[in-house]
PDB file of N, CA and C in Angstrom:
ATOM      1  N   MET A   1      13.461  -5.182 -23.727  1.00  0.00           N
ATOM      2  CA  MET A   1      14.577  -5.980 -24.157  1.00  0.00           C
ATOM      3  C   MET A   1      14.408  -6.355 -25.632  1.00  0.00           C
ATOM      4  N   ALA A   2      13.207  -6.734 -26.008  1.00  0.00           N
ATOM      5  CA  ALA A   2      12.960  -7.102 -27.405  1.00  0.00           C
ATOM      6  C   ALA A   2      13.256  -5.935 -28.338  1.00  0.00           C
ATOM      7  N   ASN A   3      12.845  -4.738 -27.943  1.00  0.00           N
ATOM      8  CA  ASN A   3      13.127  -3.558 -28.764  1.00  0.00           C
ATOM      9  C   ASN A   3      14.627  -3.334 -28.917  1.00  0.00           C
ATOM     10  N   ALA A   4      15.353  -3.504 -27.821  1.00  0.00           N
ATOM     11  CA  ALA A   4      16.807  -3.310 -27.874  1.00  0.00           C
ATOM     12  C   ALA A   4      17.469  -4.324 -28.810  1.00  0.00           C
ATOM     13  N   MET A   5      16.887  -5.510 -28.893  1.00  0.00           N
ATOM     14  CA  MET A   5      17.430  -6.556 -29.764  1.00  0.00           C
ATOM     15  C   MET A   5      16.848  -6.488 -31.177  1.00  0.00           C
ATOM     16  N   ARG A   6      15.898  -5.555 -31.340  1.00  0.00           N
ATOM     17  CA  ARG A   6      15.216  -5.353 -32.624  1.00  0.00           C
ATOM     18  C   ARG A   6      14.509  -6.615 -33.134  1.00  0.00           C
ATOM     19  N   VAL A   7      13.803  -7.247 -32.190  1.00  0.00           N
ATOM     20  CA  VAL A   7      12.954  -8.385 -32.525  1.00  0.00           C
ATOM     21  C   VAL A   7      11.614  -8.174 -31.820  1.00  0.00           C
ATOM     22  N   SER A   8      10.617  -8.927 -32.236  1.00  0.00           N
ATOM     23  CA  SER A   8       9.319  -8.816 -31.570  1.00  0.00           C
ATOM     24  C   SER A   8       9.393  -9.528 -30.216  1.00  0.00           C
ATOM     25  N   GLU A   9       8.471  -9.180 -29.341  1.00  0.00           N
ATOM     26  CA  GLU A   9       8.423  -9.840 -28.036  1.00  0.00           C
ATOM     27  C   GLU A   9       8.227 -11.337 -28.208  1.00  0.00           C
ATOM     28  N   ARG A  10       7.358 -11.704 -29.110  1.00  0.00           N
ATOM     29  CA  ARG A  10       7.083 -13.130 -29.341  1.00  0.00           C
ATOM     30  C   ARG A  10       8.347 -13.863 -29.803  1.00  0.00           C
ATOM     31  N   THR A  11       9.129 -13.240 -30.692  1.00  0.00           N
ATOM     32  CA  THR A  11      10.373 -13.854 -31.150  1.00  0.00           C
ATOM     33  C   THR A  11      11.342 -14.029 -29.990  1.00  0.00           C
ATOM     34  N   LEU A  12      11.437 -13.020 -29.147  1.00  0.00           N
ATOM     35  CA  LEU A  12      12.324 -13.114 -27.992  1.00  0.00           C
ATOM     36  C   LEU A  12      11.890 -14.256 -27.084  1.00  0.00           C
ATOM     37  N   PHE A  13      10.604 -14.330 -26.760  1.00  0.00           N
ATOM     38  CA  PHE A  13      10.108 -15.393 -25.898  1.00  0.00           C
ATOM     39  C   PHE A  13      10.334 -16.770 -26.535  1.00  0.00           C
ATOM     40  N   ARG A  14      10.134 -16.875 -27.832  1.00  0.00           N
ATOM     41  CA  ARG A  14      10.333 -18.144 -28.535  1.00  0.00           C
ATOM     42  C   ARG A  14      11.801 -18.571 -28.472  1.00  0.00           C
ATOM     43  N   ARG A  15      12.717 -17.620 -28.688  1.00  0.00           N
ATOM     44  CA  ARG A  15      14.151 -17.939 -28.640  1.00  0.00           C
ATOM     45  C   ARG A  15      14.591 -18.332 -27.233  1.00  0.00           C
ATOM     46  N   LEU A  16      14.102 -17.618 -26.243  1.00  0.00           N
ATOM     47  CA  LEU A  16      14.430 -17.976 -24.865  1.00  0.00           C
ATOM     48  C   LEU A  16      13.880 -19.349 -24.514  1.00  0.00           C
ATOM     49  N   SER A  17      12.665 -19.618 -24.949  1.00  0.00           N
ATOM     50  CA  SER A  17      12.047 -20.916 -24.690  1.00  0.00           C
ATOM     51  C   SER A  17      12.842 -22.048 -25.339  1.00  0.00           C
ATOM     52  N   ALA A  18      13.357 -21.806 -26.532  1.00  0.00           N
ATOM     53  CA  ALA A  18      14.159 -22.818 -27.222  1.00  0.00           C
ATOM     54  C   ALA A  18      15.430 -23.143 -26.438  1.00  0.00           C
ATOM     55  N   GLU A  19      15.901 -22.176 -25.638  1.00  0.00           N
ATOM     56  CA  GLU A  19      17.092 -22.387 -24.814  1.00  0.00           C
ATOM     57  C   GLU A  19      16.739 -22.850 -23.406  1.00  0.00           C
ATOM     58  N   GLY A  20      15.439 -23.043 -23.159  1.00  0.00           N
ATOM     59  CA  GLY A  20      14.997 -23.491 -21.848  1.00  0.00           C
ATOM     60  C   GLY A  20      15.049 -22.401 -20.784  1.00  0.00           C
ATOM     61  N   ARG A  21      14.945 -21.160 -21.196  1.00  0.00           N
ATOM     62  CA  ARG A  21      15.013 -20.017 -20.282  1.00  0.00           C
ATOM     63  C   ARG A  21      13.757 -19.167 -20.416  1.00  0.00           C
ATOM     64  N   SER A  22      13.594 -18.245 -19.500  1.00  0.00           N
ATOM     65  CA  SER A  22      12.519 -17.263 -19.601  1.00  0.00           C
ATOM     66  C   SER A  22      13.090 -15.902 -19.224  1.00  0.00           C
ATOM     67  N   TYR A  23      12.429 -14.864 -19.667  1.00  0.00           N
ATOM     68  CA  TYR A  23      12.866 -13.506 -19.346  1.00  0.00           C
ATOM     69  C   TYR A  23      12.879 -13.309 -17.832  1.00  0.00           C
ATOM     70  N   GLN A  24      11.842 -13.784 -17.156  1.00  0.00           N
ATOM     71  CA  GLN A  24      11.739 -13.631 -15.709  1.00  0.00           C
ATOM     72  C   GLN A  24      12.884 -14.339 -14.993  1.00  0.00           C
ATOM     73  N   THR A  25      13.239 -15.530 -15.437  1.00  0.00           N
ATOM     74  CA  THR A  25      14.339 -16.268 -14.814  1.00  0.00           C
ATOM     75  C   THR A  25      15.651 -15.526 -14.970  1.00  0.00           C
ATOM     76  N   ILE A  26      15.897 -14.998 -16.151  1.00  0.00           N
ATOM     77  CA  ILE A  26      17.123 -14.237 -16.393  1.00  0.00           C
ATOM     78  C   ILE A  26      17.152 -12.995 -15.514  1.00  0.00           C
ATOM     79  N   LYS A  27      16.020 -12.292 -15.437  1.00  0.00           N
ATOM     80  CA  LYS A  27      15.937 -11.090 -14.608  1.00  0.00           C
ATOM     81  C   LYS A  27      16.160 -11.427 -13.133  1.00  0.00           C
ATOM     82  N   ASP A  28      15.541 -12.509 -12.653  1.00  0.00           N
ATOM     83  CA  ASP A  28      15.721 -12.923 -11.261  1.00  0.00           C
ATOM     84  C   ASP A  28      17.168 -13.313 -10.972  1.00  0.00           C
ATOM     85  N   ASP A  29      17.796 -14.040 -11.882  1.00  0.00           N
ATOM     86  CA  ASP A  29      19.198 -14.440 -11.703  1.00  0.00           C
ATOM     87  C   ASP A  29      20.109 -13.216 -11.617  1.00  0.00           C
ATOM     88  N   LEU A  30      19.866 -12.261 -12.486  1.00  0.00           N
ATOM     89  CA  LEU A  30      20.673 -11.037 -12.483  1.00  0.00           C
ATOM     90  C   LEU A  30      20.462 -10.244 -11.200  1.00  0.00           C
ATOM     91  N   ARG A  31      19.201 -10.092 -10.805  1.00  0.00           N
ATOM     92  CA  ARG A  31      18.905  -9.373  -9.567  1.00  0.00           C
ATOM     93  C   ARG A  31      19.542 -10.068  -8.362  1.00  0.00           C
ATOM     94  N   ARG A  32      19.465 -11.398  -8.316  1.00  0.00           N
ATOM     95  CA  ARG A  32      20.061 -12.147  -7.214  1.00  0.00           C
ATOM     96  C   ARG A  32      21.570 -11.912  -7.140  1.00  0.00           C
ATOM     97  N   ASP A  33      22.234 -12.037  -8.273  1.00  0.00           N
ATOM     98  CA  ASP A  33      23.682 -11.844  -8.307  1.00  0.00           C
ATOM     99  C   ASP A  33      24.063 -10.420  -7.890  1.00  0.00           C
ATOM    100  N   MET A  34      23.309  -9.446  -8.379  1.00  0.00           N
ATOM    101  CA  MET A  34      23.581  -8.051  -8.004  1.00  0.00           C
ATOM    102  C   MET A  34      23.315  -7.833  -6.517  1.00  0.00           C
ATOM    103  N   ALA A  35      22.250  -8.434  -5.982  1.00  0.00           N
ATOM    104  CA  ALA A  35      21.918  -8.281  -4.565  1.00  0.00           C
ATOM    105  C   ALA A  35      23.020  -8.860  -3.688  1.00  0.00           C
ATOM    106  N   VAL A  36      23.492 -10.046  -4.012  1.00  0.00           N
ATOM    107  CA  VAL A  36      24.561 -10.655  -3.223  1.00  0.00           C
ATOM    108  C   VAL A  36      25.798  -9.768  -3.250  1.00  0.00           C
ATOM    109  N   HIS A  37      26.137  -9.259  -4.420  1.00  0.00           N
ATOM    110  CA  HIS A  37      27.305  -8.383  -4.536  1.00  0.00           C
ATOM    111  C   HIS A  37      27.123  -7.109  -3.712  1.00  0.00           C
ATOM    112  N   LEU A  38      25.973  -6.457  -3.876  1.00  0.00           N
ATOM    113  CA  LEU A  38      25.736  -5.197  -3.165  1.00  0.00           C
ATOM    114  C   LEU A  38      25.670  -5.394  -1.653  1.00  0.00           C
ATOM    115  N   LEU A  39      25.062  -6.479  -1.218  1.00  0.00           N
ATOM    116  CA  LEU A  39      24.964  -6.730   0.215  1.00  0.00           C
ATOM    117  C   LEU A  39      26.337  -7.004   0.829  1.00  0.00           C
ATOM    118  N   GLY A  40      27.215  -7.640   0.066  1.00  0.00           N
ATOM    119  CA  GLY A  40      28.537  -7.967   0.581  1.00  0.00           C
ATOM    120  C   GLY A  40      29.583  -6.890   0.396  1.00  0.00           C
ATOM    121  N   ASN A  41      29.367  -5.988  -0.547  1.00  0.00           N
ATOM    122  CA  ASN A  41      30.411  -5.023  -0.901  1.00  0.00           C
ATOM    123  C   ASN A  41      29.957  -3.572  -0.881  1.00  0.00           C
ATOM    124  N   SER A  42      28.870  -3.295  -0.223  1.00  0.00           N
ATOM    125  CA  SER A  42      28.328  -1.944  -0.250  1.00  0.00           C
ATOM    126  C   SER A  42      27.927  -1.525   1.156  1.00  0.00           C
ATOM    127  N   LEU A  43      27.949  -0.248   1.385  1.00  0.00           N
ATOM    128  CA  LEU A  43      27.471   0.292   2.655  1.00  0.00           C
ATOM    129  C   LEU A  43      26.028   0.784   2.533  1.00  0.00           C
ATOM    130  N   SER A  44      25.403   0.518   1.386  1.00  0.00           N
ATOM    131  CA  SER A  44      24.029   0.952   1.151  1.00  0.00           C
ATOM    132  C   SER A  44      23.063   0.198   2.056  1.00  0.00           C
ATOM    133  N   SER A  45      21.968   0.852   2.379  1.00  0.00           N
ATOM    134  CA  SER A  45      20.929   0.217   3.193  1.00  0.00           C
ATOM    135  C   SER A  45      20.157  -0.788   2.335  1.00  0.00           C
ATOM    136  N   ILE A  46      19.416  -1.657   3.001  1.00  0.00           N
ATOM    137  CA  ILE A  46      18.578  -2.635   2.301  1.00  0.00           C
ATOM    138  C   ILE A  46      17.579  -1.897   1.406  1.00  0.00           C
ATOM    139  N   GLY A  47      17.025  -0.818   1.910  1.00  0.00           N
ATOM    140  CA  GLY A  47      16.068  -0.032   1.119  1.00  0.00           C
ATOM    141  C   GLY A  47      16.697   0.528  -0.138  1.00  0.00           C
ATOM    142  N   ASP A  48      17.911   1.038  -0.026  1.00  0.00           N
ATOM    143  CA  ASP A  48      18.608   1.576  -1.201  1.00  0.00           C
ATOM    144  C   ASP A  48      18.911   0.478  -2.216  1.00  0.00           C
ATOM    145  N   ILE A  49      19.341  -0.672  -1.719  1.00  0.00           N
ATOM    146  CA  ILE A  49      19.632  -1.800  -2.611  1.00  0.00           C
ATOM    147  C   ILE A  49      18.352  -2.259  -3.307  1.00  0.00           C
ATOM    148  N   ALA A  50      17.251  -2.308  -2.560  1.00  0.00           N
ATOM    149  CA  ALA A  50      15.971  -2.705  -3.148  1.00  0.00           C
ATOM    150  C   ALA A  50      15.598  -1.778  -4.300  1.00  0.00           C
ATOM    151  N   VAL A  51      15.759  -0.470  -4.095  1.00  0.00           N
ATOM    152  CA  VAL A  51      15.442   0.500  -5.146  1.00  0.00           C
ATOM    153  C   VAL A  51      16.373   0.324  -6.338  1.00  0.00           C
ATOM    154  N   GLN A  52      17.672   0.136  -6.082  1.00  0.00           N
ATOM    155  CA  GLN A  52      18.633  -0.059  -7.171  1.00  0.00           C
ATOM    156  C   GLN A  52      18.275  -1.272  -8.028  1.00  0.00           C
ATOM    157  N   LEU A  53      17.698  -2.290  -7.406  1.00  0.00           N
ATOM    158  CA  LEU A  53      17.359  -3.510  -8.132  1.00  0.00           C
ATOM    159  C   LEU A  53      15.954  -3.488  -8.722  1.00  0.00           C
ATOM    160  N   GLY A  54      15.256  -2.374  -8.548  1.00  0.00           N
ATOM    161  CA  GLY A  54      13.949  -2.209  -9.189  1.00  0.00           C
ATOM    162  C   GLY A  54      12.759  -2.664  -8.372  1.00  0.00           C
ATOM    163  N   PHE A  55      12.931  -2.848  -7.063  1.00  0.00           N
ATOM    164  CA  PHE A  55      11.812  -3.238  -6.215  1.00  0.00           C
ATOM    165  C   PHE A  55      11.124  -1.990  -5.681  1.00  0.00           C
ATOM    166  N   SER A  56       9.823  -2.073  -5.515  1.00  0.00           N
ATOM    167  CA  SER A  56       9.050  -0.914  -5.078  1.00  0.00           C
ATOM    168  C   SER A  56       9.209  -0.650  -3.588  1.00  0.00           C
ATOM    169  N   GLU A  57       9.536  -1.695  -2.823  1.00  0.00           N
ATOM    170  CA  GLU A  57       9.723  -1.531  -1.388  1.00  0.00           C
ATOM    171  C   GLU A  57      10.635  -2.623  -0.847  1.00  0.00           C
ATOM    172  N   PRO A  58      11.286  -2.358   0.273  1.00  0.00           N
ATOM    173  CA  PRO A  58      12.230  -3.327   0.830  1.00  0.00           C
ATOM    174  C   PRO A  58      11.613  -4.689   1.140  1.00  0.00           C
ATOM    175  N   SER A  59      10.347  -4.713   1.549  1.00  0.00           N
ATOM    176  CA  SER A  59       9.718  -6.002   1.874  1.00  0.00           C
ATOM    177  C   SER A  59       9.607  -6.899   0.639  1.00  0.00           C
ATOM    178  N   ALA A  60       9.362  -6.312  -0.522  1.00  0.00           N
ATOM    179  CA  ALA A  60       9.294  -7.106  -1.761  1.00  0.00           C
ATOM    180  C   ALA A  60      10.676  -7.669  -2.090  1.00  0.00           C
ATOM    181  N   PHE A  61      11.712  -6.863  -1.881  1.00  0.00           N
ATOM    182  CA  PHE A  61      13.075  -7.330  -2.087  1.00  0.00           C
ATOM    183  C   PHE A  61      13.402  -8.465  -1.118  1.00  0.00           C
ATOM    184  N   HIS A  62      13.008  -8.305   0.132  1.00  0.00           N
ATOM    185  CA  HIS A  62      13.284  -9.320   1.143  1.00  0.00           C
ATOM    186  C   HIS A  62      12.631 -10.653   0.770  1.00  0.00           C
ATOM    187  N   ARG A  63      11.371 -10.622   0.345  1.00  0.00           N
ATOM    188  CA  ARG A  63      10.676 -11.854  -0.062  1.00  0.00           C
ATOM    189  C   ARG A  63      11.377 -12.503  -1.246  1.00  0.00           C
ATOM    190  N   ALA A  64      11.761 -11.695  -2.226  1.00  0.00           N
ATOM    191  CA  ALA A  64      12.434 -12.242  -3.413  1.00  0.00           C
ATOM    192  C   ALA A  64      13.796 -12.828  -3.036  1.00  0.00           C
ATOM    193  N   PHE A  65      14.525 -12.159  -2.170  1.00  0.00           N
ATOM    194  CA  PHE A  65      15.854 -12.633  -1.784  1.00  0.00           C
ATOM    195  C   PHE A  65      15.741 -13.970  -1.040  1.00  0.00           C
ATOM    196  N   ARG A  66      14.756 -14.088  -0.177  1.00  0.00           N
ATOM    197  CA  ARG A  66      14.531 -15.375   0.525  1.00  0.00           C
ATOM    198  C   ARG A  66      14.207 -16.471  -0.482  1.00  0.00           C
ATOM    199  N   LYS A  67      13.413 -16.153  -1.487  1.00  0.00           N
ATOM    200  CA  LYS A  67      13.057 -17.148  -2.520  1.00  0.00           C
ATOM    201  C   LYS A  67      14.304 -17.573  -3.297  1.00  0.00           C
ATOM    202  N   TRP A  68      15.165 -16.615  -3.646  1.00  0.00           N
ATOM    203  CA  TRP A  68      16.369 -16.911  -4.427  1.00  0.00           C
ATOM    204  C   TRP A  68      17.398 -17.713  -3.649  1.00  0.00           C
ATOM    205  N   THR A  69      17.465 -17.459  -2.357  1.00  0.00           N
ATOM    206  CA  THR A  69      18.509 -18.095  -1.569  1.00  0.00           C
ATOM    207  C   THR A  69      17.897 -19.071  -0.600  1.00  0.00           C
TER     208      THR A  69
END
């Protein structure tokens, strides 16, 4: 993400911190929103959704989804 924004990683983390956010929080929020959408509007399996969201296995997705919701 820092490369795409053409800033150093440290600058990105500093700017996010100044806004009271973290990269991980933003990533989790995005994944949660995408998961809710895909689960409600898709015929894809849980395993397929997990892969689409970048999880290595469905159980990791399941644990994260329980944490988010």
